[in-house]
């Protein structure tokens, strides 16, 4: 899991759980923040309303979020990691 990856020196962790219901994912994300703090950059997925609750995390946009913000520009400050998969 995340603890093992970070202990092994992994520096970038993306918490992917496509089948996890949002509140449960959020709970796991809170734990992941603690495990990665000061050791690895954490990338999360979820509603952009959560951004303020996870200030240390980068964000991996869903295809829907990417379409929504493509013409509006970056949805949060440039000092935070932002990713999206295009496939």
Protein backbone atom coordinates (compact mmCIF):
# COMPACT_ATOMS: atom_id res chain seq x y z
CA UNK A 1 0.00 0.00 0.00
CA UNK A 2 0.92 3.63 0.35
CA UNK A 3 2.96 3.13 3.51
CA UNK A 4 5.14 0.52 1.79
CA UNK A 5 5.55 2.62 -1.35
CA UNK A 6 6.60 5.72 0.56
CA UNK A 7 8.98 3.70 2.75
CA UNK A 8 10.57 2.36 -0.45
CA UNK A 9 11.25 5.91 -1.62
CA UNK A 10 8.35 6.48 -4.01
CA UNK A 11 7.94 10.26 -4.39
CA UNK A 12 4.65 10.52 -6.30
CA UNK A 13 1.49 8.67 -5.20
CA UNK A 14 -1.84 8.79 -6.99
CA UNK A 15 -4.75 7.50 -4.93
CA UNK A 16 -6.92 5.70 -7.46
CA UNK A 17 -10.08 3.94 -6.39
CA UNK A 18 -12.52 4.22 -9.31
CA UNK A 19 -15.13 1.99 -7.68
CA UNK A 20 -14.98 3.57 -4.24
CA UNK A 21 -17.96 5.65 -3.17
CA UNK A 22 -16.97 9.32 -2.64
CA UNK A 23 -17.28 9.55 1.18
CA UNK A 24 -15.20 6.39 1.60
CA UNK A 25 -12.58 7.66 -0.89
CA UNK A 26 -12.42 10.90 1.07
CA UNK A 27 -11.73 8.98 4.30
CA UNK A 28 -8.93 7.03 2.61
CA UNK A 29 -7.57 10.29 1.16
CA UNK A 30 -7.34 11.81 4.65
CA UNK A 31 -5.23 8.82 5.74
CA UNK A 32 -3.11 9.06 2.58
CA UNK A 33 -2.30 12.71 3.29
CA UNK A 34 -0.81 11.68 6.62
CA UNK A 35 1.18 8.83 5.09
CA UNK A 36 2.64 11.04 2.35
CA UNK A 37 3.26 14.19 4.41
CA UNK A 38 6.83 15.36 3.90
CA UNK A 39 7.73 12.19 2.00
CA UNK A 40 5.81 12.04 -1.28
CA UNK A 41 3.55 14.19 -3.45
CA UNK A 42 -0.02 12.91 -3.26
CA UNK A 43 -2.42 13.15 -6.21
CA UNK A 44 -6.14 12.79 -5.51
CA UNK A 45 -9.31 12.56 -7.61
CA UNK A 46 -12.69 13.84 -6.60
CA UNK A 47 -14.97 16.85 -6.59
CA UNK A 48 -13.06 20.11 -6.89
CA UNK A 49 -15.02 21.31 -3.87
CA UNK A 50 -12.60 19.15 -1.85
CA UNK A 51 -9.54 21.16 -2.94
CA UNK A 52 -9.61 23.36 0.14
CA UNK A 53 -9.74 20.33 2.41
CA UNK A 54 -6.58 18.83 0.89
CA UNK A 55 -4.20 21.79 0.41
CA UNK A 56 -1.07 19.63 0.13
CA UNK A 57 -2.48 17.33 -2.55
CA UNK A 58 -2.30 17.64 -6.30
CA UNK A 59 -5.36 16.77 -8.35
CA UNK A 60 -5.96 14.32 -11.17
CA UNK A 61 -8.95 15.54 -13.17
CA UNK A 62 -11.61 13.22 -14.51
CA UNK A 63 -12.48 13.53 -18.20
CA UNK A 64 -15.64 15.41 -17.21
CA UNK A 65 -13.68 17.89 -15.08
CA UNK A 66 -11.13 18.32 -17.86
CA UNK A 67 -13.84 19.15 -20.40
CA UNK A 68 -15.47 21.58 -17.97
CA UNK A 69 -12.28 23.50 -17.17
CA UNK A 70 -10.46 23.27 -20.52
CA UNK A 71 -11.86 26.59 -21.71
CA UNK A 72 -11.91 28.22 -18.26
CA UNK A 73 -8.28 27.66 -17.34
CA UNK A 74 -6.65 26.03 -14.39
CA UNK A 75 -9.17 25.46 -11.56
CA UNK A 76 -6.66 26.13 -8.75
CA UNK A 77 -3.27 27.79 -8.10
CA UNK A 78 -0.18 26.91 -10.14
CA UNK A 79 1.76 25.79 -7.06
CA UNK A 80 -0.38 22.63 -6.92
CA UNK A 81 0.13 19.64 -9.16
CA UNK A 82 -2.50 19.10 -11.83
CA UNK A 83 -2.87 16.04 -14.04
CA UNK A 84 -5.34 14.42 -16.42
CA UNK A 85 -5.24 11.28 -18.52
CA UNK A 86 -6.07 11.58 -22.19
CA UNK A 87 -6.83 8.15 -23.57
